[in-house]
Amino acid sequence: MDAFKTLLLFVVTAVAEIVGCYLPYLWLKEGRSAWLLLPAAASLGLFAWLLTLHPTAAGRVYAAYGGVYVGVALLWLMLVDKVKPTTTDWVGVAVSLAGMAIIMFGPRSDS
């Protein structure tokens, strides 16, 4: 899988996970309908399935996915929660994405 497809798949996976966690948050913290738990469960199921689409070892996928998740979560903070990220937030994202790239695309002999 090429780097662009891998990154795109990680982004879609992160959105599925965040939606799956955000909907119960709305129910628990903001008094929204318990019916939100149904799409939340579906979104978390989609998240788990998407992680299986990577052609490398599961542990490596989970570790690398975490870096992309940090970036998508910060975009969620900005776009959905309407909170402006700080400079250190963006530096943290850059470090996380650098770690993801090293894990996923670094040379290895065990692939």
C-alpha atoms as a PDB file:
ATOM      1  CA  MET A   1       0.000   0.000   0.000  1.00  0.00           C
ATOM      2  CA  ASP A   2       1.526   3.361  -0.940  1.00  0.00           C
ATOM      3  CA  ALA A   3       2.078   6.153   1.574  1.00  0.00           C
ATOM      4  CA  PHE A   4      -0.868   8.308   0.448  1.00  0.00           C
ATOM      5  CA  LYS A   5      -3.363   5.441   0.668  1.00  0.00           C
ATOM      6  CA  THR A   6      -1.985   4.437   4.055  1.00  0.00           C
ATOM      7  CA  LEU A   7      -2.309   7.967   5.412  1.00  0.00           C
ATOM      8  CA  LEU A   8      -5.809   8.364   3.964  1.00  0.00           C
ATOM      9  CA  LEU A   9      -6.897   5.075   5.492  1.00  0.00           C
ATOM     10  CA  PHE A  10      -5.509   6.173   8.863  1.00  0.00           C
ATOM     11  CA  VAL A  11      -7.418   9.479   8.628  1.00  0.00           C
ATOM     12  CA  VAL A  12     -10.713   7.740   7.833  1.00  0.00           C
ATOM     13  CA  THR A  13     -10.024   5.285  10.661  1.00  0.00           C
ATOM     14  CA  ALA A  14      -9.402   8.143  13.097  1.00  0.00           C
ATOM     15  CA  VAL A  15     -12.620   9.898  12.125  1.00  0.00           C
ATOM     16  CA  ALA A  16     -14.550   6.665  12.688  1.00  0.00           C
ATOM     17  CA  GLU A  17     -13.012   6.265  16.139  1.00  0.00           C
ATOM     18  CA  ILE A  18     -13.583   9.875  17.137  1.00  0.00           C
ATOM     19  CA  VAL A  19     -17.221   9.812  15.993  1.00  0.00           C
ATOM     20  CA  GLY A  20     -17.698   6.531  17.853  1.00  0.00           C
ATOM     21  CA  CYS A  21     -16.468   8.161  21.053  1.00  0.00           C
ATOM     22  CA  TYR A  22     -17.965  11.622  20.529  1.00  0.00           C
ATOM     23  CA  LEU A  23     -21.558  10.424  20.197  1.00  0.00           C
ATOM     24  CA  PRO A  24     -21.611   8.758  23.655  1.00  0.00           C
ATOM     25  CA  TYR A  25     -19.981  11.915  25.014  1.00  0.00           C
ATOM     26  CA  LEU A  26     -22.928  13.914  23.674  1.00  0.00           C
ATOM     27  CA  TRP A  27     -25.321  11.498  25.367  1.00  0.00           C
ATOM     28  CA  LEU A  28     -23.470  11.388  28.702  1.00  0.00           C
ATOM     29  CA  LYS A  29     -22.292  14.987  29.050  1.00  0.00           C
ATOM     30  CA  GLU A  30     -24.775  17.024  27.040  1.00  0.00           C
ATOM     31  CA  GLY A  31     -28.012  15.150  27.639  1.00  0.00           C
ATOM     32  CA  ARG A  32     -28.546  14.121  24.029  1.00  0.00           C
ATOM     33  CA  SER A  33     -30.553  11.066  23.003  1.00  0.00           C
ATOM     34  CA  ALA A  34     -29.381   7.579  23.946  1.00  0.00           C
ATOM     35  CA  TRP A  35     -30.131   6.673  20.324  1.00  0.00           C
ATOM     36  CA  LEU A  36     -26.736   8.180  19.533  1.00  0.00           C
ATOM     37  CA  LEU A  37     -25.250   4.990  20.948  1.00  0.00           C
ATOM     38  CA  LEU A  38     -26.362   3.031  17.861  1.00  0.00           C
ATOM     39  CA  PRO A  39     -24.374   5.040  15.301  1.00  0.00           C
ATOM     40  CA  ALA A  40     -21.553   5.239  17.859  1.00  0.00           C
ATOM     41  CA  ALA A  41     -21.352   1.445  18.010  1.00  0.00           C
ATOM     42  CA  ALA A  42     -21.469   1.218  14.217  1.00  0.00           C
ATOM     43  CA  SER A  43     -18.697   3.795  13.940  1.00  0.00           C
ATOM     44  CA  LEU A  44     -16.490   1.915  16.398  1.00  0.00           C
ATOM     45  CA  GLY A  45     -17.133  -1.314  14.479  1.00  0.00           C
ATOM     46  CA  LEU A  46     -16.084   0.477  11.290  1.00  0.00           C
ATOM     47  CA  PHE A  47     -12.976   1.741  13.081  1.00  0.00           C
ATOM     48  CA  ALA A  48     -11.951  -1.798  14.074  1.00  0.00           C
ATOM     49  CA  TRP A  49     -12.580  -3.135  10.573  1.00  0.00           C
ATOM     50  CA  LEU A  50     -10.583  -0.323   8.947  1.00  0.00           C
ATOM     51  CA  LEU A  51      -7.552  -1.189  11.073  1.00  0.00           C
ATOM     52  CA  THR A  52      -7.588  -4.686   9.546  1.00  0.00           C
ATOM     53  CA  LEU A  53      -7.115  -3.321   6.017  1.00  0.00           C
ATOM     54  CA  HIS A  54      -3.420  -2.580   6.477  1.00  0.00           C
ATOM     55  CA  PRO A  55      -1.066  -5.219   5.066  1.00  0.00           C
ATOM     56  CA  THR A  56       1.436  -5.105   7.914  1.00  0.00           C
ATOM     57  CA  ALA A  57       1.644  -6.468  11.465  1.00  0.00           C
ATOM     58  CA  ALA A  58      -1.212  -5.338  13.713  1.00  0.00           C
ATOM     59  CA  GLY A  59       1.043  -3.929  16.423  1.00  0.00           C
ATOM     60  CA  ARG A  60       2.864  -1.752  13.914  1.00  0.00           C
ATOM     61  CA  VAL A  61      -0.437  -0.531  12.489  1.00  0.00           C
ATOM     62  CA  TYR A  62      -1.779   0.379  15.941  1.00  0.00           C
ATOM     63  CA  ALA A  63       1.402   2.223  16.871  1.00  0.00           C
ATOM     64  CA  ALA A  64       1.527   4.191  13.630  1.00  0.00           C
ATOM     65  CA  TYR A  65      -2.205   4.890  13.676  1.00  0.00           C
ATOM     66  CA  GLY A  66      -1.781   6.664  17.001  1.00  0.00           C
ATOM     67  CA  GLY A  67       0.295   9.376  15.352  1.00  0.00           C
ATOM     68  CA  VAL A  68      -2.363  10.116  12.766  1.00  0.00           C
ATOM     69  CA  TYR A  69      -5.087   9.969  15.413  1.00  0.00           C
ATOM     70  CA  VAL A  70      -3.398  12.810  17.308  1.00  0.00           C
ATOM     71  CA  GLY A  71      -3.522  15.016  14.214  1.00  0.00           C
ATOM     72  CA  VAL A  72      -7.128  14.202  13.367  1.00  0.00           C
ATOM     73  CA  ALA A  73      -8.162  14.757  16.991  1.00  0.00           C
ATOM     74  CA  LEU A  74      -6.590  18.205  16.910  1.00  0.00           C
ATOM     75  CA  LEU A  75      -8.485  19.021  13.706  1.00  0.00           C
ATOM     76  CA  TRP A  76     -11.662  17.804  15.452  1.00  0.00           C
ATOM     77  CA  LEU A  77     -10.867  20.152  18.351  1.00  0.00           C
ATOM     78  CA  MET A  78     -10.634  23.035  15.923  1.00  0.00           C
ATOM     79  CA  LEU A  79     -13.523  22.237  13.563  1.00  0.00           C
ATOM     80  CA  VAL A  80     -16.109  20.612  15.833  1.00  0.00           C
ATOM     81  CA  ASP A  81     -15.301  21.892  19.315  1.00  0.00           C
ATOM     82  CA  LYS A  82     -14.369  25.350  17.960  1.00  0.00           C
ATOM     83  CA  VAL A  83     -11.227  25.529  20.110  1.00  0.00           C
ATOM     84  CA  LYS A  84      -8.121  27.075  18.585  1.00  0.00           C
ATOM     85  CA  PRO A  85      -5.104  24.743  18.920  1.00  0.00           C
ATOM     86  CA  THR A  86      -1.929  26.231  20.390  1.00  0.00           C
ATOM     87  CA  THR A  87       1.481  26.243  18.797  1.00  0.00           C
ATOM     88  CA  THR A  88       2.552  23.442  21.110  1.00  0.00           C
ATOM     89  CA  ASP A  89      -0.502  21.439  20.021  1.00  0.00           C
ATOM     90  CA  TRP A  90       0.708  21.656  16.415  1.00  0.00           C
ATOM     91  CA  VAL A  91       4.284  20.795  17.411  1.00  0.00           C
ATOM     92  CA  GLY A  92       2.924  17.712  19.166  1.00  0.00           C
ATOM     93  CA  VAL A  93       1.076  16.719  16.010  1.00  0.00           C
ATOM     94  CA  ALA A  94       4.244  17.125  13.954  1.00  0.00           C
ATOM     95  CA  VAL A  95       6.185  14.915  16.368  1.00  0.00           C
ATOM     96  CA  SER A  96       3.397  12.313  16.332  1.00  0.00           C
ATOM     97  CA  LEU A  97       3.254  12.263  12.529  1.00  0.00           C
ATOM     98  CA  ALA A  98       7.033  11.967  12.322  1.00  0.00           C
ATOM     99  CA  GLY A  99       6.825   8.961  14.631  1.00  0.00           C
ATOM    100  CA  MET A 100       4.064   7.453  12.502  1.00  0.00           C
ATOM    101  CA  ALA A 101       6.140   7.867   9.353  1.00  0.00           C
ATOM    102  CA  ILE A 102       9.182   6.254  10.966  1.00  0.00           C
ATOM    103  CA  ILE A 103       7.127   3.287  12.157  1.00  0.00           C
ATOM    104  CA  MET A 104       5.204   2.707   8.928  1.00  0.00           C
ATOM    105  CA  PHE A 105       7.717   3.589   6.260  1.00  0.00           C
ATOM    106  CA  GLY A 106      11.123   3.010   7.841  1.00  0.00           C
ATOM    107  CA  PRO A 107      13.300   0.274   6.375  1.00  0.00           C
ATOM    108  CA  ARG A 108      12.934  -3.172   7.882  1.00  0.00           C
ATOM    109  CA  SER A 109      13.918  -6.690   7.040  1.00  0.00           C
ATOM    110  CA  ASP A 110      10.979  -8.477   8.744  1.00  0.00           C
ATOM    111  CA  SER A 111       8.232  -7.385   6.324  1.00  0.00           C
END
